[in-house]
Amino acid sequence: MVNQYSSLSPAWLLTISFALSLTTSLLLKVWLTVRQIKHVAQHRNRVPGAFLDTVALSAHQRAADYTVAKARTDLLELAIGSIILVSWTLLGGLSTINQVLLDWLGGGMVQQMALIAGFSVINGLLDTPLSIYKTFVVEERFGFNKMTAGLWLMDLAKSIIIGVVVGLPVVTVVLWLMGAAGNNWWLWAWGFWIGFNLLLLLIYPSFIAPLFNKFSPLEDEALKSRVTALMRRCGFAAKGLFVMDGSKRSAHANAYFTGFGAAKRVVFYDTLLARLTEAEVDAVLAHELGHFKHKHVIKRIALMFSLSLMGFWMIGWLATQAWFYQGLGVEPNLAMPNDALALLLFMLCLPVFGFFVTPMFSMLSRRHEFQADAYAVKQTSSEALSGALLKLYEDNASTLTPDALYVKAYYSHPPASERLARLMA
């Protein structure tokens, strides 16, 4: 009989594939991030020629320093995240917790729910120190953080409550389907997942988002009239125009659409309205309308649902394969359900293998942004959109000189140089 860890076994091949993919992706991420740090630092003391008349050297240097600080934090996060991932998988962390809970609770739904809850709590605690560092050190240093320790703790408590109230029933249904719906459970679970996400799109703007921020109706009648006329001209209907108190947590500025179907609403950060002219607000809104006009939102939802179908199918197959558990550091008991283990292991290993296709999704997102910019120019003007983007890049301390390869790998939005060059053309 061939040992499950012999050189020919599927478990051993998965272990090697996982280790190689993790190592390769980690080295690539570190290399790209170091390139970004060096490139931004090398261009820190000179504003690019195209921006000499519009961007002050002090603003350019602040953006460079902010970008480098975040990139260095990313390196720290990569190191910590990799250690945690290996600890959960190949070093047996998840297997140990599973066995402890089996000895205590026996098999069954309660044990599986306890495993997911325990994993979530421990993982959340491990992520907390770095989250605090990002908010109260990095963001604070550059003047972006407006949160107090009390507000941060309140947000954390609300997130935990929402996770329990919303997430627990969802996980319970999926686990129940895995055990009760037969070999095609993954298809039923996928259908439930679609329904849940569509429901979430409907209820999030009205019930969840207000738990964290205050949304007030847009009161500026002149601006409201302009925005309404623009939306009517673009054939877009929204449930309302709202201003969000984003300045309570951050100095970053933004505007976005949220909701789905009849629940769509337009949200402006108060920091955005305080910074932009009316024409520039129109241009930013027209850009967001461009995403809807080109059906980017529908396309992204369809892509997400298609990928999730593939994911559920893969879990349905892998959950019955002993080598899947063994190759990732877990010894399963196939005499009882291992559904929670399968979900957690799949969730842990998917980003490792999925990293190599990330640049394709980044490229697609940047293409959508260019299309939305082009639509905004047709509805407003290139001058208004250029002015708005320059202010947003400056206010958000976005570097004007990112590394080209880093952009291709990670940037969901085109860098300022590319974006403004197209607008000026």
Protein backbone atom coordinates (compact mmCIF):
# COMPACT_ATOMS: atom_id res chain seq x y z
CA MET A 1 0.00 0.00 0.00
CA VAL A 2 1.29 3.48 -0.86
CA ASN A 3 1.71 5.73 2.17
CA GLN A 4 -0.47 8.87 2.03
CA TYR A 5 2.68 11.03 2.30
CA SER A 6 4.77 9.10 -0.21
CA SER A 7 6.25 11.00 -3.15
CA LEU A 8 3.50 9.65 -5.43
CA SER A 9 0.48 10.38 -3.26
CA PRO A 10 -1.98 13.19 -4.09
CA ALA A 11 -1.64 14.51 -0.52
CA TRP A 12 2.10 14.96 -0.92
CA LEU A 13 1.67 16.57 -4.32
CA LEU A 14 -0.84 19.05 -2.87
CA THR A 15 1.54 19.86 -0.01
CA ILE A 16 4.36 20.57 -2.47
CA SER A 17 2.08 22.58 -4.78
CA PHE A 18 0.74 24.64 -1.88
CA ALA A 19 4.21 25.31 -0.46
CA LEU A 20 5.64 26.25 -3.86
CA SER A 21 2.69 28.51 -4.71
CA LEU A 22 2.86 30.22 -1.34
CA THR A 23 6.61 30.74 -1.60
CA THR A 24 6.45 31.95 -5.20
CA SER A 25 3.55 34.32 -4.58
CA LEU A 26 5.23 35.66 -1.43
CA LEU A 27 8.51 36.32 -3.25
CA LEU A 28 6.66 38.02 -6.11
CA LYS A 29 4.66 40.20 -3.72
CA VAL A 30 7.78 41.22 -1.82
CA TRP A 31 9.65 41.93 -5.06
CA LEU A 32 6.81 44.06 -6.44
CA THR A 33 6.39 45.95 -3.18
CA VAL A 34 10.13 46.66 -2.88
CA ARG A 35 10.08 47.90 -6.49
CA GLN A 36 7.21 50.21 -5.59
CA ILE A 37 9.04 51.58 -2.55
CA LYS A 38 12.27 52.20 -4.47
CA HIS A 39 10.55 53.75 -7.49
CA VAL A 40 8.39 56.12 -5.44
CA ALA A 41 11.33 57.12 -3.21
CA GLN A 42 13.57 57.80 -6.24
CA HIS A 43 11.01 60.22 -7.69
CA ARG A 44 10.08 61.84 -4.39
CA ASN A 45 11.92 65.12 -4.87
CA ARG A 46 10.63 66.01 -8.31
CA VAL A 47 7.07 66.58 -9.49
CA PRO A 48 6.45 64.91 -12.89
CA GLY A 49 6.55 67.42 -15.73
CA ALA A 50 2.87 67.09 -16.58
CA PHE A 51 1.94 68.19 -13.05
CA LEU A 52 4.45 71.00 -12.43
CA ASP A 53 1.77 73.67 -12.69
CA THR A 54 -0.90 71.87 -10.69
CA VAL A 55 0.79 69.87 -7.90
CA ALA A 56 3.02 71.40 -5.24
CA LEU A 57 6.29 69.66 -4.38
CA SER A 58 5.17 69.37 -0.73
CA ALA A 59 1.97 67.53 -1.77
CA HIS A 60 3.96 65.24 -4.09
CA GLN A 61 6.41 64.40 -1.31
CA ARG A 62 3.60 63.75 1.17
CA ALA A 63 1.99 61.33 -1.28
CA ALA A 64 5.33 59.59 -1.82
CA ASP A 65 5.93 59.23 1.92
CA TYR A 66 2.39 57.92 2.49
CA THR A 67 2.74 55.38 -0.32
CA VAL A 68 6.09 54.14 1.02
CA ALA A 69 4.72 53.90 4.57
CA LYS A 70 1.75 51.83 3.40
CA ALA A 71 4.00 49.61 1.25
CA ARG A 72 6.30 48.90 4.19
CA THR A 73 3.26 48.00 6.27
CA ASP A 74 2.22 45.67 3.44
CA LEU A 75 5.57 43.89 3.74
CA LEU A 76 4.96 43.40 7.45
CA GLU A 77 1.45 42.15 6.72
CA LEU A 78 2.80 39.70 4.12
CA ALA A 79 5.26 38.23 6.60
CA ILE A 80 2.72 37.92 9.42
CA GLY A 81 -0.02 36.62 7.12
CA SER A 82 2.24 33.93 5.67
CA ILE A 83 3.26 32.72 9.12
CA ILE A 84 -0.37 32.59 10.23
CA LEU A 85 -1.42 30.74 7.06
CA VAL A 86 1.29 28.08 7.41
CA SER A 87 0.43 27.73 11.10
CA TRP A 88 -3.22 27.09 10.30
CA THR A 89 -2.43 24.56 7.55
CA LEU A 90 0.86 22.71 7.24
CA LEU A 91 1.84 23.18 10.90
CA GLY A 92 -1.49 21.71 12.04
CA GLY A 93 -3.22 24.62 13.78
CA LEU A 94 -6.62 24.00 12.22
CA SER A 95 -6.27 20.25 12.73
CA THR A 96 -5.51 20.76 16.43
CA ILE A 97 -8.53 22.97 17.04
CA ASN A 98 -10.73 20.54 15.12
CA GLN A 99 -9.54 17.60 17.21
CA VAL A 100 -10.02 19.47 20.49
CA LEU A 101 -13.58 20.34 19.51
CA LEU A 102 -14.25 16.76 18.38
CA ASP A 103 -13.08 15.42 21.74
CA TRP A 104 -15.25 17.98 23.55
CA LEU A 105 -18.40 18.10 21.42
CA GLY A 106 -18.22 15.00 19.25
CA GLY A 107 -19.13 15.25 15.57
CA GLY A 108 -22.14 17.04 14.17
CA MET A 109 -23.39 20.52 13.35
CA VAL A 110 -22.56 22.04 16.76
CA GLN A 111 -18.91 20.99 16.47
CA GLN A 112 -18.65 22.30 12.92
CA MET A 113 -20.17 25.66 13.85
CA ALA A 114 -17.84 25.84 16.84
CA LEU A 115 -14.86 25.19 14.54
CA ILE A 116 -15.80 28.05 12.21
CA ALA A 117 -16.53 30.36 15.15
CA GLY A 118 -13.25 29.46 16.87
CA PHE A 119 -11.28 29.99 13.68
CA SER A 120 -12.95 33.36 13.11
CA VAL A 121 -12.28 34.58 16.64
CA ILE A 122 -8.62 33.52 16.66
CA ASN A 123 -7.97 34.88 13.18
CA GLY A 124 -9.65 38.15 14.10
CA LEU A 125 -7.51 38.50 17.23
CA LEU A 126 -4.36 37.83 15.19
CA ASP A 127 -5.34 40.51 12.64
CA THR A 128 -6.23 43.15 15.24
CA PRO A 129 -2.74 44.47 16.15
CA LEU A 130 -1.87 45.26 12.53
CA SER A 131 -5.28 46.85 11.98
CA ILE A 132 -4.67 49.11 14.98
CA TYR A 133 -1.20 49.99 13.67
CA LYS A 134 -2.55 50.94 10.25
CA THR A 135 -5.27 53.16 11.69
CA PHE A 136 -3.59 54.80 14.65
CA VAL A 137 0.00 54.94 13.39
CA VAL A 138 0.15 55.09 9.59
CA GLU A 139 -3.14 56.91 8.94
CA GLU A 140 -2.61 59.10 12.01
CA ARG A 141 0.87 60.10 10.91
CA PHE A 142 -0.43 61.53 7.63
CA GLY A 143 -3.48 63.21 9.11
CA PHE A 144 -6.08 60.83 7.68
CA ASN A 145 -7.30 59.10 10.82
CA LYS A 146 -10.17 60.83 12.63
CA MET A 147 -11.22 57.85 14.71
CA THR A 148 -10.95 57.74 18.47
CA ALA A 149 -10.19 54.54 20.35
CA GLY A 150 -13.80 54.50 21.55
CA LEU A 151 -15.21 54.78 18.02
CA TRP A 152 -12.83 52.07 16.80
CA LEU A 153 -13.99 49.71 19.56
CA MET A 154 -17.63 50.54 18.84
CA ASP A 155 -17.14 49.74 15.15
CA LEU A 156 -15.46 46.49 16.10
CA ALA A 157 -18.34 45.51 18.37
CA LYS A 158 -20.91 46.34 15.68
CA SER A 159 -18.97 44.31 13.11
CA ILE A 160 -18.88 41.30 15.43
CA ILE A 161 -22.62 41.55 16.11
CA ILE A 162 -23.41 41.83 12.40
CA GLY A 163 -21.09 38.91 11.69
CA VAL A 164 -22.96 36.77 14.22
CA VAL A 165 -26.47 37.89 13.25
CA VAL A 166 -25.91 37.71 9.49
CA GLY A 167 -22.98 35.34 9.04
CA LEU A 168 -23.99 32.60 11.47
CA PRO A 169 -27.31 31.76 9.75
CA VAL A 170 -25.63 31.79 6.34
CA VAL A 171 -22.91 29.36 7.43
CA THR A 172 -25.52 27.19 9.16
CA VAL A 173 -27.58 26.90 5.97
CA VAL A 174 -24.53 26.09 3.84
CA LEU A 175 -23.35 23.42 6.27
CA TRP A 176 -26.86 21.96 6.44
CA LEU A 177 -27.04 21.80 2.63
CA MET A 178 -23.64 20.10 2.51
CA GLY A 179 -24.96 17.36 4.74
CA ALA A 180 -28.57 17.07 3.55
CA ALA A 181 -28.73 17.93 -0.17
CA GLY A 182 -26.76 14.98 -1.55
CA ASN A 183 -23.94 15.07 -4.07
CA ASN A 184 -25.29 18.19 -5.76
CA TRP A 185 -25.39 20.18 -2.54
CA TRP A 186 -22.94 22.69 -4.03
CA LEU A 187 -25.51 23.75 -6.64
CA TRP A 188 -28.14 24.40 -3.99
CA ALA A 189 -25.61 26.22 -1.83
CA TRP A 190 -24.61 28.37 -4.79
CA GLY A 191 -28.24 29.32 -5.40
CA PHE A 192 -28.64 30.23 -1.75
CA TRP A 193 -25.41 32.26 -1.90
CA ILE A 194 -26.71 34.24 -4.90
CA GLY A 195 -29.99 34.97 -3.15
CA PHE A 196 -28.20 36.08 0.00
CA ASN A 197 -25.88 38.45 -1.87
CA LEU A 198 -28.73 40.00 -3.84
CA LEU A 199 -30.65 40.49 -0.61
CA LEU A 200 -27.58 42.04 0.97
CA LEU A 201 -27.32 44.53 -1.89
CA LEU A 202 -30.90 45.59 -1.15
CA ILE A 203 -30.69 45.88 2.63
CA TYR A 204 -27.12 47.15 3.09
CA PRO A 205 -27.78 50.84 2.24
CA SER A 206 -30.83 51.17 4.48
CA PHE A 207 -30.05 48.91 7.41
CA ILE A 208 -26.34 48.07 7.72
CA ALA A 209 -24.42 51.13 6.48
CA PRO A 210 -26.35 53.51 8.82
CA LEU A 211 -25.05 51.52 11.80
CA PHE A 212 -21.59 52.94 11.07
CA ASN A 213 -22.21 56.32 9.45
CA LYS A 214 -24.84 59.02 9.39
CA PHE A 215 -26.51 59.53 6.01
CA SER A 216 -28.23 62.88 5.60
CA PRO A 217 -30.27 63.94 2.55
CA LEU A 218 -28.37 66.32 0.29
CA GLU A 219 -29.60 69.79 1.32
CA ASP A 220 -27.72 72.02 -1.12
CA GLU A 221 -30.61 72.81 -3.49
CA ALA A 222 -28.40 74.15 -6.30
CA LEU A 223 -26.16 71.08 -6.21
CA LYS A 224 -29.15 68.78 -5.81
CA SER A 225 -30.75 70.31 -8.91
CA ARG A 226 -27.56 69.88 -10.95
CA VAL A 227 -27.08 66.29 -9.83
CA THR A 228 -30.73 65.40 -10.49
CA ALA A 229 -30.56 66.92 -13.96
CA LEU A 230 -27.36 65.01 -14.72
CA MET A 231 -28.87 61.70 -13.61
CA ARG A 232 -32.01 62.36 -15.62
CA ARG A 233 -29.91 63.16 -18.67
CA CYS A 234 -28.05 59.88 -18.20
CA GLY A 235 -31.25 57.89 -17.72
CA PHE A 236 -30.45 56.95 -14.13
CA ALA A 237 -32.92 56.84 -11.24
CA ALA A 238 -31.87 56.66 -7.59
CA LYS A 239 -33.82 56.39 -4.37
CA GLY A 240 -32.08 59.42 -2.91
CA LEU A 241 -29.03 61.67 -2.68
CA PHE A 242 -27.17 61.44 0.61
CA VAL A 243 -24.18 62.97 2.35
CA MET A 244 -22.16 60.62 4.57
CA ASP A 245 -20.20 61.86 7.57
CA GLY A 246 -16.98 60.24 6.33
CA SER A 247 -14.94 62.89 8.14
CA LYS A 248 -15.87 61.18 11.43
CA ARG A 249 -13.45 58.38 10.61
CA SER A 250 -11.11 59.56 7.87
CA ALA A 251 -9.99 62.58 5.87
CA HIS A 252 -10.15 60.55 2.65
CA ALA A 253 -12.79 61.71 0.15
CA ASN A 254 -15.02 59.70 -2.14
CA ALA A 255 -18.45 59.30 -3.74
CA TYR A 256 -20.21 56.11 -4.69
CA PHE A 257 -23.43 54.39 -5.68
CA THR A 258 -24.78 51.72 -3.41
CA GLY A 259 -27.74 49.38 -3.44
CA PHE A 260 -29.37 47.46 -6.23
CA GLY A 261 -32.52 47.86 -8.30
CA ALA A 262 -35.01 50.22 -6.67
CA ALA A 263 -32.75 50.59 -3.61
CA LYS A 264 -29.95 52.43 -5.47
CA ARG A 265 -28.75 55.62 -3.82
CA VAL A 266 -26.00 58.16 -4.42
CA VAL A 267 -23.66 58.86 -1.51
CA PHE A 268 -21.21 61.76 -1.24
CA TYR A 269 -18.58 61.98 1.48
CA ASP A 270 -18.85 65.28 3.30
CA THR A 271 -15.10 65.68 2.73
CA LEU A 272 -15.71 65.47 -1.03
CA LEU A 273 -18.36 68.19 -1.11
CA ALA A 274 -16.17 70.46 0.98
CA ARG A 275 -13.32 70.18 -1.52
CA LEU A 276 -14.79 70.10 -5.04
CA THR A 277 -16.62 72.70 -7.12
CA GLU A 278 -20.12 71.96 -8.38
CA ALA A 279 -18.81 71.15 -11.87
CA GLU A 280 -16.23 68.79 -10.38
CA VAL A 281 -18.90 67.04 -8.29
CA ASP A 282 -20.90 66.60 -11.50
CA ALA A 283 -17.87 65.04 -13.17
CA VAL A 284 -17.25 62.59 -10.32
CA LEU A 285 -20.91 61.60 -10.33
CA ALA A 286 -20.87 61.21 -14.12
CA HIS A 287 -17.90 58.86 -13.76
CA GLU A 288 -19.90 56.67 -11.39
CA LEU A 289 -22.86 56.84 -13.77
CA GLY A 290 -20.50 55.64 -16.49
CA HIS A 291 -20.03 52.38 -14.61
CA PHE A 292 -23.78 51.80 -14.69
CA LYS A 293 -24.09 52.92 -18.32
CA HIS A 294 -21.46 50.38 -19.37
CA LYS A 295 -23.08 47.77 -17.10
CA HIS A 296 -19.85 47.30 -15.18
CA VAL A 297 -21.75 46.58 -11.97
CA ILE A 298 -23.86 43.87 -13.61
CA LYS A 299 -20.80 42.40 -15.30
CA ARG A 300 -18.87 42.26 -12.03
CA ILE A 301 -21.79 40.66 -10.23
CA ALA A 302 -22.14 38.09 -13.02
CA LEU A 303 -18.40 37.37 -12.87
CA MET A 304 -18.52 37.01 -9.09
CA PHE A 305 -21.45 34.60 -9.30
CA SER A 306 -19.75 32.57 -12.05
CA LEU A 307 -16.55 32.27 -10.04
CA SER A 308 -18.49 31.37 -6.91
CA LEU A 309 -20.25 28.58 -8.84
CA MET A 310 -16.85 27.19 -9.77
CA GLY A 311 -15.73 27.55 -6.18
CA PHE A 312 -18.73 25.69 -4.75
CA TRP A 313 -18.25 22.92 -7.32
CA MET A 314 -14.60 22.57 -6.33
CA ILE A 315 -15.49 22.39 -2.64
CA GLY A 316 -18.11 19.76 -3.44
CA TRP A 317 -15.43 17.60 -5.04
CA LEU A 318 -12.56 18.32 -2.66
CA ALA A 319 -14.67 17.77 0.48
CA THR A 320 -14.82 14.03 -0.33
CA GLN A 321 -11.08 13.65 -1.01
CA ALA A 322 -8.95 12.58 1.96
CA TRP A 323 -5.78 13.88 0.24
CA PHE A 324 -7.22 17.42 0.21
CA TYR A 325 -7.24 17.53 4.01
CA GLN A 326 -4.02 15.59 4.48
CA GLY A 327 -2.13 17.70 1.95
CA LEU A 328 -3.02 20.84 3.91
CA GLY A 329 -2.07 19.54 7.33
CA VAL A 330 -5.37 18.09 8.56
CA GLU A 331 -6.16 14.46 9.31
CA PRO A 332 -9.89 14.03 8.56
CA ASN A 333 -12.27 11.48 9.98
CA LEU A 334 -14.18 10.49 6.86
CA ALA A 335 -16.67 8.53 8.97
CA MET A 336 -18.26 11.86 9.95
CA PRO A 337 -18.86 15.17 8.14
CA ASN A 338 -15.82 17.37 7.57
CA ASP A 339 -17.77 20.15 5.86
CA ALA A 340 -16.53 23.02 8.06
CA LEU A 341 -12.95 21.81 7.59
CA ALA A 342 -13.43 21.74 3.81
CA LEU A 343 -14.82 25.29 3.76
CA LEU A 344 -12.03 26.69 5.94
CA LEU A 345 -9.22 24.92 4.07
CA PHE A 346 -10.59 26.05 0.71
CA MET A 347 -10.87 29.62 1.98
CA LEU A 348 -7.29 29.51 3.27
CA CYS A 349 -5.66 28.05 0.16
CA LEU A 350 -7.69 29.87 -2.53
CA PRO A 351 -5.82 33.22 -2.22
CA VAL A 352 -2.49 31.39 -2.56
CA PHE A 353 -3.36 29.87 -5.92
CA GLY A 354 -5.59 32.77 -6.96
CA PHE A 355 -2.84 35.38 -6.67
CA PHE A 356 -1.49 34.47 -10.09
CA VAL A 357 -4.68 35.58 -11.86
CA THR A 358 -5.08 38.78 -9.81
CA PRO A 359 -3.39 40.97 -12.47
CA MET A 360 -6.11 40.01 -14.97
CA PHE A 361 -8.85 41.28 -12.68
CA SER A 362 -6.84 44.42 -11.96
CA MET A 363 -6.48 45.03 -15.69
CA LEU A 364 -10.22 44.57 -16.23
CA SER A 365 -10.98 47.03 -13.43
CA ARG A 366 -8.62 49.65 -14.86
CA ARG A 367 -10.26 49.25 -18.26
CA HIS A 368 -13.65 49.89 -16.66
CA GLU A 369 -12.30 53.04 -15.01
CA PHE A 370 -11.08 54.39 -18.35
CA GLN A 371 -14.49 53.70 -19.89
CA ALA A 372 -16.25 55.47 -17.02
CA ASP A 373 -13.90 58.46 -17.42
CA ALA A 374 -14.70 58.65 -21.13
CA TYR A 375 -18.42 58.61 -20.37
CA ALA A 376 -18.01 61.35 -17.74
CA VAL A 377 -16.19 63.59 -20.22
CA LYS A 378 -19.09 63.28 -22.66
CA GLN A 379 -21.59 64.25 -19.99
CA THR A 380 -19.56 67.03 -18.32
CA SER A 381 -16.06 68.09 -19.40
CA SER A 382 -12.49 66.84 -19.30
CA GLU A 383 -11.46 69.98 -17.39
CA ALA A 384 -13.95 69.34 -14.60
CA LEU A 385 -13.04 65.66 -14.27
CA SER A 386 -9.29 66.41 -14.42
CA GLY A 387 -9.67 69.04 -11.72
CA ALA A 388 -11.67 66.67 -9.51
CA LEU A 389 -9.19 63.82 -9.97
CA LEU A 390 -6.22 66.04 -9.18
CA LYS A 391 -7.85 67.16 -5.94
CA LEU A 392 -8.81 63.61 -5.01
CA TYR A 393 -5.34 62.27 -5.76
CA GLU A 394 -3.83 65.05 -3.67
CA ASP A 395 -6.31 64.75 -0.79
CA ASN A 396 -5.90 60.98 -0.67
CA ALA A 397 -2.10 61.28 -1.02
CA SER A 398 -2.01 59.02 -4.08
CA THR A 399 1.44 58.93 -5.60
CA LEU A 400 1.96 60.30 -9.11
CA THR A 401 4.93 58.01 -9.71
CA PRO A 402 4.04 54.37 -8.98
CA ASP A 403 6.11 51.50 -10.33
CA ALA A 404 4.67 50.26 -13.65
CA LEU A 405 4.79 46.55 -12.75
CA TYR A 406 3.23 47.19 -9.36
CA VAL A 407 0.41 49.04 -11.12
CA LYS A 408 -0.23 46.11 -13.47
CA ALA A 409 -0.33 43.66 -10.59
CA TYR A 410 -2.37 45.55 -8.03
CA TYR A 411 -3.95 48.81 -9.15
CA SER A 412 -7.72 48.60 -9.64
CA HIS A 413 -7.69 52.24 -10.79
CA PRO A 414 -5.27 53.66 -13.37
CA PRO A 415 -2.49 55.85 -11.93
CA ALA A 416 -2.96 59.60 -12.17
CA SER A 417 -0.43 60.03 -14.97
CA GLU A 418 -2.24 57.62 -17.30
CA ARG A 419 -5.71 58.74 -16.35
CA LEU A 420 -5.11 62.47 -16.75
CA ALA A 421 -3.10 61.99 -19.94
CA ARG A 422 -6.14 60.34 -21.53
CA LEU A 423 -8.40 63.11 -20.34
CA MET A 424 -6.15 65.80 -21.73
CA ALA A 425 -6.01 63.93 -25.05
